[in-house]
Amino acid sequence: MGQVLAQLPQQIVNGLTLGSVYALLALGYSMVYGILKMLNFAHGDVFMVGAFAGWGVLTLFTLNGTLSTNPLAVLLLMLAAATAATSILGGLIERFAYRPLSGSSRLAPLISALGVSIILENAAMLLTAGRAKAYQTEALIPPSWTVYLGSTAISATRLAIIATSCVVMLALDFAVSRTMLGKAMRATSEDPEAAEYMGVRTSKVIAATFVIGSGLAGVAGVMIGLYYMQVDFIMGFSAGLKAFTAAVLGGIGSIRGAMAGGIVLGLAESLGVLFVAPVYKDAIVFTVLIATLILKPAGILGERVHDKV
């Protein structure tokens, strides 16, 4: 028991770090579901593309020897490249894989999403020859940049991941609650037909939702690459499942619920390995999901919707 208590602070830090990444990724699921009432199962692979975009920038600056001169600028360029790549990809997915199926049954977009997911995974596999790529995290953020609180080590990488995620999530929360686009998103989510009558161009709102959600996935991809120090073509599958779990856990369709669900999931995964072998950490994640759905089906911050008769 004493050993568990000694490791507890470190695992909390690890959980908050992972949770902030899961929260960013879960936001994409919740945003699309909140407006379209459908799941974008290609979202995890968009995240993978963002991770590789960040890797490309980091590798470029590592090879030309200019990485150490301004690591903050390189990190910002990585985030910008990943966000741009995934935002454009999200817009293309909405335009060519979802919009043509808007009048079809709900099964059609789901199958389309799975098709896009397979295409992205196979394209990444061909481009990388199926090999994982190393993220030069320690060249960007040296291990010596570590803060110690007692026996708890908080690396600059973890601080950067948590800080970046918090800034992005706060900016999104402000945009959704205070800007005209955010109001249009909420109106489209509540009643698309009424929103159209009020002058909201719902097709553009839906496209913007895909673009923003995909951009968030790009940021999350860079963060997870820095954390694990490698990326591969299959990484989107596991991360996508966990992000979907976080979205459901917090209340699918709820922006703040996705944030809360991601943090809870990250903490559950990290704290769970104190009591069981790390190989079972994914089982812990889905056990938490099942328990939440049984005890609070709408999720942590979700609201149960009753059909009107």
C-alpha atoms as a PDB file:
ATOM      1  CA  MET A   1       0.000   0.000   0.000  1.00  0.00           C
ATOM      2  CA  GLY A   2       2.877   2.339   0.818  1.00  0.00           C
ATOM      3  CA  GLN A   3       4.328   1.840  -2.659  1.00  0.00           C
ATOM      4  CA  VAL A   4       0.965   2.673  -4.245  1.00  0.00           C
ATOM      5  CA  LEU A   5       0.715   5.919  -2.265  1.00  0.00           C
ATOM      6  CA  ALA A   6       4.272   6.834  -3.236  1.00  0.00           C
ATOM      7  CA  GLN A   7       3.468   6.423  -6.940  1.00  0.00           C
ATOM      8  CA  LEU A   8       0.069   8.134  -6.743  1.00  0.00           C
ATOM      9  CA  PRO A   9       1.190  11.763  -7.419  1.00  0.00           C
ATOM     10  CA  GLN A  10       3.236  10.713 -10.463  1.00  0.00           C
ATOM     11  CA  GLN A  11       0.334   8.723 -11.898  1.00  0.00           C
ATOM     12  CA  ILE A  12      -2.008  11.682 -11.378  1.00  0.00           C
ATOM     13  CA  VAL A  13       0.357  13.852 -13.436  1.00  0.00           C
ATOM     14  CA  ASN A  14       0.502  11.155 -16.130  1.00  0.00           C
ATOM     15  CA  GLY A  15      -3.291  10.850 -16.057  1.00  0.00           C
ATOM     16  CA  LEU A  16      -3.831  14.587 -16.473  1.00  0.00           C
ATOM     17  CA  THR A  17      -1.387  14.607 -19.389  1.00  0.00           C
ATOM     18  CA  LEU A  18      -3.080  11.738 -21.217  1.00  0.00           C
ATOM     19  CA  GLY A  19      -6.521  13.006 -20.241  1.00  0.00           C
ATOM     20  CA  SER A  20      -5.914  16.405 -21.800  1.00  0.00           C
ATOM     21  CA  VAL A  21      -5.025  14.708 -25.106  1.00  0.00           C
ATOM     22  CA  TYR A  22      -8.075  12.427 -24.948  1.00  0.00           C
ATOM     23  CA  ALA A  23     -10.216  15.489 -24.241  1.00  0.00           C
ATOM     24  CA  LEU A  24      -8.964  17.295 -27.356  1.00  0.00           C
ATOM     25  CA  LEU A  25      -9.656  14.253 -29.495  1.00  0.00           C
ATOM     26  CA  ALA A  26     -13.061  13.608 -27.899  1.00  0.00           C
ATOM     27  CA  LEU A  27     -14.163  17.151 -28.767  1.00  0.00           C
ATOM     28  CA  GLY A  28     -14.180  16.263 -32.462  1.00  0.00           C
ATOM     29  CA  TYR A  29     -16.549  13.349 -31.870  1.00  0.00           C
ATOM     30  CA  SER A  30     -18.849  15.433 -29.683  1.00  0.00           C
ATOM     31  CA  MET A  31     -18.951  18.427 -32.030  1.00  0.00           C
ATOM     32  CA  VAL A  32     -19.934  16.349 -35.061  1.00  0.00           C
ATOM     33  CA  TYR A  33     -22.423  14.246 -33.097  1.00  0.00           C
ATOM     34  CA  GLY A  34     -23.932  17.335 -31.490  1.00  0.00           C
ATOM     35  CA  ILE A  35     -24.840  18.774 -34.889  1.00  0.00           C
ATOM     36  CA  LEU A  36     -25.337  15.751 -37.154  1.00  0.00           C
ATOM     37  CA  LYS A  37     -26.223  13.046 -34.592  1.00  0.00           C
ATOM     38  CA  MET A  38     -23.712  10.789 -36.293  1.00  0.00           C
ATOM     39  CA  LEU A  39     -20.269   9.438 -35.424  1.00  0.00           C
ATOM     40  CA  ASN A  40     -17.173  10.234 -37.454  1.00  0.00           C
ATOM     41  CA  PHE A  41     -15.188   7.024 -37.089  1.00  0.00           C
ATOM     42  CA  ALA A  42     -12.466   8.415 -39.365  1.00  0.00           C
ATOM     43  CA  HIS A  43     -11.591  10.921 -36.632  1.00  0.00           C
ATOM     44  CA  GLY A  44      -8.899   8.725 -35.085  1.00  0.00           C
ATOM     45  CA  ASP A  45      -7.072   8.501 -38.395  1.00  0.00           C
ATOM     46  CA  VAL A  46      -7.288  12.257 -38.897  1.00  0.00           C
ATOM     47  CA  PHE A  47      -5.490  12.423 -35.539  1.00  0.00           C
ATOM     48  CA  MET A  48      -2.831  10.080 -36.956  1.00  0.00           C
ATOM     49  CA  VAL A  49      -2.318  12.397 -39.947  1.00  0.00           C
ATOM     50  CA  GLY A  50      -1.801  15.320 -37.562  1.00  0.00           C
ATOM     51  CA  ALA A  51       0.810  13.353 -35.638  1.00  0.00           C
ATOM     52  CA  PHE A  52       2.731  12.649 -38.850  1.00  0.00           C
ATOM     53  CA  ALA A  53       2.479  16.295 -39.960  1.00  0.00           C
ATOM     54  CA  GLY A  54       4.085  17.353 -36.679  1.00  0.00           C
ATOM     55  CA  TRP A  55       6.713  14.631 -37.081  1.00  0.00           C
ATOM     56  CA  GLY A  56       7.583  15.958 -40.541  1.00  0.00           C
ATOM     57  CA  VAL A  57       8.251  19.473 -39.234  1.00  0.00           C
ATOM     58  CA  LEU A  58      10.221  18.187 -36.233  1.00  0.00           C
ATOM     59  CA  THR A  59      12.343  15.891 -38.411  1.00  0.00           C
ATOM     60  CA  LEU A  60      13.052  18.707 -40.888  1.00  0.00           C
ATOM     61  CA  PHE A  61      14.403  21.016 -38.187  1.00  0.00           C
ATOM     62  CA  THR A  62      16.317  18.164 -36.540  1.00  0.00           C
ATOM     63  CA  LEU A  63      18.097  17.286 -39.790  1.00  0.00           C
ATOM     64  CA  ASN A  64      19.088  20.863 -40.651  1.00  0.00           C
ATOM     65  CA  GLY A  65      20.468  21.423 -37.151  1.00  0.00           C
ATOM     66  CA  THR A  66      18.381  24.478 -36.251  1.00  0.00           C
ATOM     67  CA  LEU A  67      16.136  22.769 -33.706  1.00  0.00           C
ATOM     68  CA  SER A  68      18.057  23.871 -30.618  1.00  0.00           C
ATOM     69  CA  THR A  69      18.108  27.559 -31.565  1.00  0.00           C
ATOM     70  CA  ASN A  70      14.391  28.151 -31.007  1.00  0.00           C
ATOM     71  CA  PRO A  71      12.475  25.071 -29.805  1.00  0.00           C
ATOM     72  CA  LEU A  72       9.328  27.079 -29.005  1.00  0.00           C
ATOM     73  CA  ALA A  73       9.075  28.316 -32.597  1.00  0.00           C
ATOM     74  CA  VAL A  74       9.524  24.746 -33.852  1.00  0.00           C
ATOM     75  CA  LEU A  75       6.767  23.504 -31.531  1.00  0.00           C
ATOM     76  CA  LEU A  76       4.430  26.244 -32.766  1.00  0.00           C
ATOM     77  CA  LEU A  77       5.250  25.330 -36.378  1.00  0.00           C
ATOM     78  CA  MET A  78       4.513  21.679 -35.607  1.00  0.00           C
ATOM     79  CA  LEU A  79       1.122  22.618 -34.178  1.00  0.00           C
ATOM     80  CA  ALA A  80       0.392  24.935 -37.110  1.00  0.00           C
ATOM     81  CA  ALA A  81       1.317  22.282 -39.693  1.00  0.00           C
ATOM     82  CA  ALA A  82      -0.714  19.584 -37.953  1.00  0.00           C
ATOM     83  CA  THR A  83      -3.728  21.866 -37.527  1.00  0.00           C
ATOM     84  CA  ALA A  84      -3.605  23.023 -41.149  1.00  0.00           C
ATOM     85  CA  ALA A  85      -3.204  19.499 -42.539  1.00  0.00           C
ATOM     86  CA  THR A  86      -6.014  17.992 -40.481  1.00  0.00           C
ATOM     87  CA  SER A  87      -8.358  20.960 -40.941  1.00  0.00           C
ATOM     88  CA  ILE A  88      -8.024  20.686 -44.719  1.00  0.00           C
ATOM     89  CA  LEU A  89      -8.467  16.917 -44.496  1.00  0.00           C
ATOM     90  CA  GLY A  90     -11.567  17.348 -42.322  1.00  0.00           C
ATOM     91  CA  GLY A  91     -13.063  19.754 -44.849  1.00  0.00           C
ATOM     92  CA  LEU A  92     -12.410  17.306 -47.690  1.00  0.00           C
ATOM     93  CA  ILE A  93     -13.931  14.422 -45.725  1.00  0.00           C
ATOM     94  CA  GLU A  94     -17.077  16.450 -45.039  1.00  0.00           C
ATOM     95  CA  ARG A  95     -17.361  17.581 -48.658  1.00  0.00           C
ATOM     96  CA  PHE A  96     -16.775  14.273 -50.410  1.00  0.00           C
ATOM     97  CA  ALA A  97     -17.557  11.524 -47.876  1.00  0.00           C
ATOM     98  CA  TYR A  98     -20.439  12.973 -45.828  1.00  0.00           C
ATOM     99  CA  ARG A  99     -22.280  15.741 -47.646  1.00  0.00           C
ATOM    100  CA  PRO A 100     -23.299  13.559 -50.626  1.00  0.00           C
ATOM    101  CA  LEU A 101     -24.840  11.107 -48.127  1.00  0.00           C
ATOM    102  CA  SER A 102     -26.714  13.699 -46.056  1.00  0.00           C
ATOM    103  CA  GLY A 103     -30.094  12.489 -47.299  1.00  0.00           C
ATOM    104  CA  SER A 104     -29.300   8.800 -46.856  1.00  0.00           C
ATOM    105  CA  SER A 105     -29.893   6.506 -43.912  1.00  0.00           C
ATOM    106  CA  ARG A 106     -27.633   6.882 -40.869  1.00  0.00           C
ATOM    107  CA  LEU A 107     -25.813   3.693 -41.818  1.00  0.00           C
ATOM    108  CA  ALA A 108     -24.443   5.184 -45.058  1.00  0.00           C
ATOM    109  CA  PRO A 109     -22.254   7.902 -43.446  1.00  0.00           C
ATOM    110  CA  LEU A 110     -21.008   5.346 -40.912  1.00  0.00           C
ATOM    111  CA  ILE A 111     -19.854   3.008 -43.693  1.00  0.00           C
ATOM    112  CA  SER A 112     -18.332   5.991 -45.504  1.00  0.00           C
ATOM    113  CA  ALA A 113     -16.404   6.921 -42.340  1.00  0.00           C
ATOM    114  CA  LEU A 114     -15.034   3.411 -42.018  1.00  0.00           C
ATOM    115  CA  GLY A 115     -13.977   3.547 -45.669  1.00  0.00           C
ATOM    116  CA  VAL A 116     -12.154   6.850 -45.154  1.00  0.00           C
ATOM    117  CA  SER A 117     -10.472   5.387 -42.064  1.00  0.00           C
ATOM    118  CA  ILE A 118      -9.176   2.384 -44.021  1.00  0.00           C
ATOM    119  CA  ILE A 119      -7.954   4.608 -46.873  1.00  0.00           C
ATOM    120  CA  LEU A 120      -6.022   6.886 -44.497  1.00  0.00           C
ATOM    121  CA  GLU A 121      -4.470   3.966 -42.618  1.00  0.00           C
ATOM    122  CA  ASN A 122      -3.380   2.221 -45.801  1.00  0.00           C
ATOM    123  CA  ALA A 123      -2.003   5.437 -47.299  1.00  0.00           C
ATOM    124  CA  ALA A 124       0.050   6.048 -44.147  1.00  0.00           C
ATOM    125  CA  MET A 125       1.246   2.434 -44.165  1.00  0.00           C
ATOM    126  CA  LEU A 126       2.453   2.757 -47.766  1.00  0.00           C
ATOM    127  CA  LEU A 127       4.190   6.089 -47.149  1.00  0.00           C
ATOM    128  CA  THR A 128       5.983   4.849 -44.022  1.00  0.00           C
ATOM    129  CA  ALA A 129       6.599   1.249 -45.181  1.00  0.00           C
ATOM    130  CA  GLY A 130       4.652   0.160 -42.107  1.00  0.00           C
ATOM    131  CA  ARG A 131       7.385   1.341 -39.724  1.00  0.00           C
ATOM    132  CA  ALA A 132       6.965   3.557 -36.674  1.00  0.00           C
ATOM    133  CA  LYS A 133       8.644   6.959 -36.808  1.00  0.00           C
ATOM    134  CA  ALA A 134      10.547   8.396 -33.854  1.00  0.00           C
ATOM    135  CA  TYR A 135       9.537  11.779 -32.445  1.00  0.00           C
ATOM    136  CA  GLN A 136      12.706  13.624 -31.393  1.00  0.00           C
ATOM    137  CA  THR A 137      10.985  14.919 -28.268  1.00  0.00           C
ATOM    138  CA  GLU A 138      14.152  15.081 -26.184  1.00  0.00           C
ATOM    139  CA  ALA A 139      15.887  17.182 -28.849  1.00  0.00           C
ATOM    140  CA  LEU A 140      12.961  19.616 -28.783  1.00  0.00           C
ATOM    141  CA  ILE A 141      12.348  19.592 -25.023  1.00  0.00           C
ATOM    142  CA  PRO A 142      15.434  18.360 -23.109  1.00  0.00           C
ATOM    143  CA  PRO A 143      14.807  15.955 -20.184  1.00  0.00           C
ATOM    144  CA  SER A 144      16.734  18.372 -17.960  1.00  0.00           C
ATOM    145  CA  TRP A 145      13.737  20.719 -18.176  1.00  0.00           C
ATOM    146  CA  THR A 146      11.980  18.853 -15.389  1.00  0.00           C
ATOM    147  CA  VAL A 147      10.352  20.149 -12.217  1.00  0.00           C
ATOM    148  CA  TYR A 148      10.477  17.955  -9.109  1.00  0.00           C
ATOM    149  CA  LEU A 149       7.817  18.174  -6.407  1.00  0.00           C
ATOM    150  CA  GLY A 150       9.165  15.749  -3.854  1.00  0.00           C
ATOM    151  CA  SER A 151       9.496  12.439  -5.684  1.00  0.00           C
ATOM    152  CA  THR A 152       7.103  13.530  -8.442  1.00  0.00           C
ATOM    153  CA  ALA A 153       8.771  14.452 -11.732  1.00  0.00           C
ATOM    154  CA  ILE A 154       6.870  16.850 -13.978  1.00  0.00           C
ATOM    155  CA  SER A 155       8.704  17.128 -17.266  1.00  0.00           C
ATOM    156  CA  ALA A 156       8.475  20.185 -19.482  1.00  0.00           C
ATOM    157  CA  THR A 157       6.901  17.922 -22.114  1.00  0.00           C
ATOM    158  CA  ARG A 158       4.006  17.076 -19.801  1.00  0.00           C
ATOM    159  CA  LEU A 159       3.607  20.723 -18.808  1.00  0.00           C
ATOM    160  CA  ALA A 160       3.586  21.762 -22.478  1.00  0.00           C
ATOM    161  CA  ILE A 161       0.961  19.133 -23.337  1.00  0.00           C
ATOM    162  CA  ILE A 162      -1.328  20.107 -20.454  1.00  0.00           C
ATOM    163  CA  ALA A 163      -0.894  23.858 -21.025  1.00  0.00           C
ATOM    164  CA  THR A 164      -1.459  23.644 -24.790  1.00  0.00           C
ATOM    165  CA  SER A 165      -4.531  21.454 -24.373  1.00  0.00           C
ATOM    166  CA  CYS A 166      -6.019  23.767 -21.740  1.00  0.00           C
ATOM    167  CA  VAL A 167      -5.486  26.876 -23.895  1.00  0.00           C
ATOM    168  CA  VAL A 168      -7.055  25.209 -26.944  1.00  0.00           C
ATOM    169  CA  MET A 169     -10.037  23.879 -24.960  1.00  0.00           C
ATOM    170  CA  LEU A 170     -10.686  27.241 -23.285  1.00  0.00           C
ATOM    171  CA  ALA A 171     -10.506  28.972 -26.675  1.00  0.00           C
ATOM    172  CA  LEU A 172     -13.002  26.488 -28.126  1.00  0.00           C
ATOM    173  CA  ASP A 173     -15.347  26.876 -25.170  1.00  0.00           C
ATOM    174  CA  PHE A 174     -15.251  30.660 -25.617  1.00  0.00           C
ATOM    175  CA  ALA A 175     -15.819  30.371 -29.371  1.00  0.00           C
ATOM    176  CA  VAL A 176     -18.812  28.053 -28.985  1.00  0.00           C
ATOM    177  CA  SER A 177     -20.457  30.112 -26.246  1.00  0.00           C
ATOM    178  CA  ARG A 178     -19.661  33.692 -27.348  1.00  0.00           C
ATOM    179  CA  THR A 179     -19.060  33.960 -31.108  1.00  0.00           C
ATOM    180  CA  MET A 180     -21.548  34.085 -33.978  1.00  0.00           C
ATOM    181  CA  LEU A 181     -20.225  30.807 -35.368  1.00  0.00           C
ATOM    182  CA  GLY A 182     -20.666  29.191 -31.970  1.00  0.00           C
ATOM    183  CA  LYS A 183     -24.242  30.443 -31.749  1.00  0.00           C
ATOM    184  CA  ALA A 184     -24.892  29.121 -35.255  1.00  0.00           C
ATOM    185  CA  MET A 185     -23.492  25.740 -34.198  1.00  0.00           C
ATOM    186  CA  ARG A 186     -25.758  25.607 -31.165  1.00  0.00           C
ATOM    187  CA  ALA A 187     -28.777  26.643 -33.234  1.00  0.00           C
ATOM    188  CA  THR A 188     -28.026  23.986 -35.857  1.00  0.00           C
ATOM    189  CA  SER A 189     -27.620  21.393 -33.128  1.00  0.00           C
ATOM    190  CA  GLU A 190     -30.969  22.284 -31.545  1.00  0.00           C
ATOM    191  CA  ASP A 191     -33.086  22.480 -34.707  1.00  0.00           C
ATOM    192  CA  PRO A 192     -31.466  22.586 -38.178  1.00  0.00           C
ATOM    193  CA  GLU A 193     -34.677  23.538 -39.980  1.00  0.00           C
ATOM    194  CA  ALA A 194     -35.450  26.408 -37.620  1.00  0.00           C
ATOM    195  CA  ALA A 195     -31.838  27.568 -37.911  1.00  0.00           C
ATOM    196  CA  GLU A 196     -32.191  27.658 -41.714  1.00  0.00           C
ATOM    197  CA  TYR A 197     -35.350  29.774 -41.414  1.00  0.00           C
ATOM    198  CA  MET A 198     -33.444  32.177 -39.173  1.00  0.00           C
ATOM    199  CA  GLY A 199     -30.781  32.667 -41.835  1.00  0.00           C
ATOM    200  CA  VAL A 200     -28.154  30.204 -40.605  1.00  0.00           C
ATOM    201  CA  ARG A 201     -26.396  28.445 -43.484  1.00  0.00           C
ATOM    202  CA  THR A 202     -26.314  25.030 -41.872  1.00  0.00           C
ATOM    203  CA  SER A 203     -24.205  23.456 -44.631  1.00  0.00           C
ATOM    204  CA  LYS A 204     -21.396  25.904 -43.865  1.00  0.00           C
ATOM    205  CA  VAL A 205     -21.831  25.354 -40.125  1.00  0.00           C
ATOM    206  CA  ILE A 206     -21.487  21.589 -40.604  1.00  0.00           C
ATOM    207  CA  ALA A 207     -18.372  22.069 -42.747  1.00  0.00           C
ATOM    208  CA  ALA A 208     -16.883  24.413 -40.134  1.00  0.00           C
ATOM    209  CA  THR A 209     -17.591  21.843 -37.428  1.00  0.00           C
ATOM    210  CA  PHE A 210     -15.657  19.173 -39.320  1.00  0.00           C
ATOM    211  CA  VAL A 211     -12.777  21.580 -39.961  1.00  0.00           C
ATOM    212  CA  ILE A 212     -12.519  22.713 -36.329  1.00  0.00           C
ATOM    213  CA  GLY A 213     -12.907  19.209 -34.897  1.00  0.00           C
ATOM    214  CA  SER A 214     -10.252  17.876 -37.266  1.00  0.00           C
ATOM    215  CA  GLY A 215      -7.915  20.735 -36.352  1.00  0.00           C
ATOM    216  CA  LEU A 216      -8.240  19.777 -32.690  1.00  0.00           C
ATOM    217  CA  ALA A 217      -7.350  16.200 -33.633  1.00  0.00           C
ATOM    218  CA  GLY A 218      -4.195  17.532 -35.291  1.00  0.00           C
ATOM    219  CA  VAL A 219      -3.135  19.290 -32.096  1.00  0.00           C
ATOM    220  CA  ALA A 220      -3.836  16.097 -30.136  1.00  0.00           C
ATOM    221  CA  GLY A 221      -1.718  14.121 -32.616  1.00  0.00           C
ATOM    222  CA  VAL A 222       1.323  16.307 -31.982  1.00  0.00           C
ATOM    223  CA  MET A 223       0.778  16.093 -28.221  1.00  0.00           C
ATOM    224  CA  ILE A 224       0.595  12.295 -28.196  1.00  0.00           C
ATOM    225  CA  GLY A 225       3.663  12.084 -30.443  1.00  0.00           C
ATOM    226  CA  LEU A 226       5.634  14.195 -27.984  1.00  0.00           C
ATOM    227  CA  TYR A 227       4.388  12.056 -25.089  1.00  0.00           C
ATOM    228  CA  TYR A 228       5.139   8.599 -26.508  1.00  0.00           C
ATOM    229  CA  MET A 229       8.043   9.785 -28.724  1.00  0.00           C
ATOM    230  CA  GLN A 230       6.889   7.772 -31.738  1.00  0.00           C
ATOM    231  CA  VAL A 231       4.032   7.586 -34.225  1.00  0.00           C
ATOM    232  CA  ASP A 232       2.774   4.848 -36.537  1.00  0.00           C
ATOM    233  CA  PHE A 233       0.059   4.313 -39.118  1.00  0.00           C
ATOM    234  CA  ILE A 234      -2.212   2.312 -36.783  1.00  0.00           C
ATOM    235  CA  MET A 235      -2.099   4.714 -33.815  1.00  0.00           C
ATOM    236  CA  GLY A 236      -5.440   6.288 -34.705  1.00  0.00           C
ATOM    237  CA  PHE A 237      -7.428   3.121 -33.984  1.00  0.00           C
ATOM    238  CA  SER A 238      -6.702   2.842 -30.266  1.00  0.00           C
ATOM    239  CA  ALA A 239      -6.701   6.606 -29.689  1.00  0.00           C
ATOM    240  CA  GLY A 240      -9.961   6.960 -31.600  1.00  0.00           C
ATOM    241  CA  LEU A 241     -11.666   4.305 -29.478  1.00  0.00           C
ATOM    242  CA  LYS A 242     -10.493   5.957 -26.274  1.00  0.00           C
ATOM    243  CA  ALA A 243     -11.569   9.401 -27.463  1.00  0.00           C
ATOM    244  CA  PHE A 244     -14.984   8.029 -28.397  1.00  0.00           C
ATOM    245  CA  THR A 245     -15.165   6.471 -24.931  1.00  0.00           C
ATOM    246  CA  ALA A 246     -14.260   9.843 -23.391  1.00  0.00           C
ATOM    247  CA  ALA A 247     -16.980  11.579 -25.414  1.00  0.00           C
ATOM    248  CA  VAL A 248     -19.608   9.059 -24.294  1.00  0.00           C
ATOM    249  CA  LEU A 249     -18.307   9.183 -20.731  1.00  0.00           C
ATOM    250  CA  GLY A 250     -18.683  12.953 -20.567  1.00  0.00           C
ATOM    251  CA  GLY A 251     -21.954  13.054 -22.485  1.00  0.00           C
ATOM    252  CA  ILE A 252     -21.810  12.680 -26.269  1.00  0.00           C
ATOM    253  CA  GLY A 253     -22.655  15.980 -27.941  1.00  0.00           C
ATOM    254  CA  SER A 254     -21.525  18.058 -24.951  1.00  0.00           C
ATOM    255  CA  ILE A 255     -18.378  20.162 -25.441  1.00  0.00           C
ATOM    256  CA  ARG A 256     -17.602  20.455 -21.746  1.00  0.00           C
ATOM    257  CA  GLY A 257     -18.631  16.850 -21.262  1.00  0.00           C
ATOM    258  CA  ALA A 258     -15.975  15.749 -23.764  1.00  0.00           C
ATOM    259  CA  MET A 259     -13.371  17.728 -21.843  1.00  0.00           C
ATOM    260  CA  ALA A 260     -14.428  16.203 -18.521  1.00  0.00           C
ATOM    261  CA  GLY A 261     -14.675  12.714 -20.017  1.00  0.00           C
ATOM    262  CA  GLY A 262     -11.150  12.929 -21.401  1.00  0.00           C
ATOM    263  CA  ILE A 263      -9.664  13.953 -18.053  1.00  0.00           C
ATOM    264  CA  VAL A 264     -11.586  11.248 -16.159  1.00  0.00           C
ATOM    265  CA  LEU A 265     -10.524   8.627 -18.692  1.00  0.00           C
ATOM    266  CA  GLY A 266      -6.865   9.630 -18.543  1.00  0.00           C
ATOM    267  CA  LEU A 267      -6.879   9.495 -14.746  1.00  0.00           C
ATOM    268  CA  ALA A 268      -8.682   6.134 -14.722  1.00  0.00           C
ATOM    269  CA  GLU A 269      -6.148   4.652 -17.141  1.00  0.00           C
ATOM    270  CA  SER A 270      -3.111   5.949 -15.236  1.00  0.00           C
ATOM    271  CA  LEU A 271      -4.373   5.238 -11.720  1.00  0.00           C
ATOM    272  CA  GLY A 272      -5.635   1.800 -12.713  1.00  0.00           C
ATOM    273  CA  VAL A 273      -2.122   0.545 -13.437  1.00  0.00           C
ATOM    274  CA  LEU A 274      -1.302   1.039  -9.752  1.00  0.00           C
ATOM    275  CA  PHE A 275      -3.517  -1.940  -8.966  1.00  0.00           C
ATOM    276  CA  VAL A 276      -3.355  -4.142 -12.078  1.00  0.00           C
ATOM    277  CA  ALA A 277      -0.714  -4.887 -14.701  1.00  0.00           C
ATOM    278  CA  PRO A 278      -0.295  -2.146 -17.360  1.00  0.00           C
ATOM    279  CA  VAL A 279      -1.356  -4.626 -20.047  1.00  0.00           C
ATOM    280  CA  TYR A 280      -4.908  -4.355 -18.657  1.00  0.00           C
ATOM    281  CA  LYS A 281      -5.137  -0.562 -18.865  1.00  0.00           C
ATOM    282  CA  ASP A 282      -7.469  -0.659 -21.884  1.00  0.00           C
ATOM    283  CA  ALA A 283      -9.774  -3.033 -19.999  1.00  0.00           C
ATOM    284  CA  ILE A 284      -9.899  -0.468 -17.177  1.00  0.00           C
ATOM    285  CA  VAL A 285     -10.940   2.239 -19.633  1.00  0.00           C
ATOM    286  CA  PHE A 286     -13.883   0.271 -20.993  1.00  0.00           C
ATOM    287  CA  THR A 287     -14.893  -0.956 -17.536  1.00  0.00           C
ATOM    288  CA  VAL A 288     -15.248   2.695 -16.511  1.00  0.00           C
ATOM    289  CA  LEU A 289     -17.332   3.316 -19.634  1.00  0.00           C
ATOM    290  CA  ILE A 290     -19.693   0.413 -18.933  1.00  0.00           C
ATOM    291  CA  ALA A 291     -20.116   1.452 -15.302  1.00  0.00           C
ATOM    292  CA  THR A 292     -20.906   5.032 -16.347  1.00  0.00           C
ATOM    293  CA  LEU A 293     -23.470   3.939 -18.933  1.00  0.00           C
ATOM    294  CA  ILE A 294     -25.196   1.762 -16.335  1.00  0.00           C
ATOM    295  CA  LEU A 295     -25.200   4.363 -13.566  1.00  0.00           C
ATOM    296  CA  LYS A 296     -25.574   7.532 -15.675  1.00  0.00           C
ATOM    297  CA  PRO A 297     -26.485   6.677 -19.271  1.00  0.00           C
ATOM    298  CA  ALA A 298     -26.355  10.294 -20.468  1.00  0.00           C
ATOM    299  CA  GLY A 299     -22.748  10.670 -19.297  1.00  0.00           C
ATOM    300  CA  ILE A 300     -21.181  12.948 -16.713  1.00  0.00           C
ATOM    301  CA  LEU A 301     -22.458  16.250 -18.141  1.00  0.00           C
ATOM    302  CA  GLY A 302     -24.942  14.966 -20.706  1.00  0.00           C
ATOM    303  CA  GLU A 303     -28.672  15.465 -20.420  1.00  0.00           C
ATOM    304  CA  ARG A 304     -31.216  12.729 -20.905  1.00  0.00           C
ATOM    305  CA  VAL A 305     -33.525  13.629 -23.771  1.00  0.00           C
ATOM    306  CA  HIS A 306     -37.172  12.567 -23.567  1.00  0.00           C
ATOM    307  CA  ASP A 307     -39.230  12.213 -26.717  1.00  0.00           C
ATOM    308  CA  LYS A 308     -42.311  14.405 -26.771  1.00  0.00           C
ATOM    309  CA  VAL A 309     -45.602  12.642 -27.367  1.00  0.00           C
END
